[in-house]
Amino acid sequence: MPWYREKNLFLFLLILATVLRLALASANKQANDPHYEQVIQPIADREVRDTVLSRFHPKLFHRTAAALVNTFGTKGDLPRRVLIQWMNALVGVGTLILIWLALGDAGIPSVPKLLAFGWVALNPGIIGINAQVTNDTFVVFFSVLATYLFVRFLRKPRLATLLWLMAAASGATATKGNGIILIATLLVVLATRGYYLLKKKDWVPLVEQIVCAVALIVVTAGTAVNSKIYLTHGAYDRFMVSPDLYPGKYWGNLAQGIRVDTDRGITILTKSFLTFRLFDLVEHPRNDVRRTMFLNTGQIYPYNHMSSYWSQIYGNGVSIRFHDWPPTWQSREPALENLSRWLLILNLLPVALLFGGLFRPGVRMGSEPEWLGLAMLTIFAGLLLAGMRYYMLFPQYQFGKFIYLAPFLVALTFALAKGLTLLKRAAPKVDGRNLQPWLFHAVTAWFVLLFIIDTIDVVWLVASLT
């Protein structure tokens, strides 16, 4: 594909993604968590108390949002919300630009790069997060920036790159706890690659990696120590759940499970992790908060997929209304239900290609593409295991959300682009005829159809909120 055509298509996807984010940010009036009411508003109005500082997560996002509304002198809760949502939308666009740059540095061919970028840029679940008053957009941005700079540093070590990497690592840590998990996976990559360099006695790159590792540890630890939330016991009991009701000690007892003895409750954690209820997802293409029974001993769900971890991760990752929250986003229109079913079905192919690119056999520690693939796999695995561990602590559908894993967005996009590249290079033959062009054209058409439905899903929500 000529470079100018690739650039035009990239700009089209970026502009469309930007418009969708800003439109939803302008129309939306609620968030999935009360970050604004419980933290941002008291900070902005100088009503800070110890209980405010111990809620939710580290306060980089909250203090930035409060400073923004005070800088513009914005009054009233709704105008403040919209202003903060615009900020998040633009930060989300910045994340997309970083992902595009990372794909370009990896040498991904034009069409796979565009399809993988479009899959992330127009993803309704990610757009929904970018248009709310939550800290998730910030932690994803800093995590993507840290990953991008980390790979650039390993390719060509420079002091400026390392300093920017330290700033990104500090930003991720100062925003949310899963930012620390991302930095931990980068340290694992450094340790693994360092062992390889040690065996080769390649001393200069080894010393550079040791310096990078020490810098990441010092900056991340220093930021965490200075973020009160990491030192506050029971931060979540002021937020959403009670540790006494869902004690962490249960996570290790997989056979006994949690509390609710019902087929549609959390009975055994292994059942949650060993199921993917596709047919139930298609039949009931979203959660149902209104029909969920919240008992003193746990929760009972109307649908089986609400007790399946992988079903929740998948549904939340591809549909903007799947989580069925906040309340103004709830809808049971039959046409909208069918649209969600199409999203759940069409995204099966990208996810299959993603895992194909992620776990391609024959990855070794030799050339640059090989260690890059291993680095992306490590980042993906580290955040996924952390998300599973978190779900074990709080085994409810509310905690089986894709956004908790979103700091690995670069790894996810890279894996999908690599899977598409492998498919593009495949050359199946029938009766001596090469079917590769036909096959890849069909896959491209599949993605284009998915992009159209993604756009309709977001536009429909904007129209319903306006």
Foldseek 3Di string as FASTA:
>chain_A
DDPVVLVVLVVVLLVLLLVLLLLLLLLDQADQFPCCVLAQVCVLVVVDDPLNLQADFFCPLSNVLSVVCVVVVDDDRRVSFSSSLNVLSVLLSVLLVLLLVLLVVLVFDRPLSSLLSSCVSLFLLSSLVSSGSALLSQLLSLLSLLVSLLLVCLVPNDPVSLVSNLVSLLSNLNRHDVSVLSLVLSLVLLVVLLVVCVVVVVPPSNVSSVVSNVSSVVSNVVSNVVRVNNVDPPNCCVTPDDCVLQPLVCLVVQVQWAFDPDLQFTGGLVVQAVDACLVQCLVVVAFDPPPWDQDSNGIGGPTNLQQHLVNLALSSRRANCRDVDDVLLHDDDPVLSNLSSLRSVLCVVLVVLLVCLQCPPDQDSDDSSSSVSVSLNSSQVSQVVVLSSVCSSVVGSVSSYNSSSSSSVSSSSSSSSRSLSVLLPDFDDDPRDTCNVVVSVVVSVSSVVSSVSSSVSSVVSSVSSD
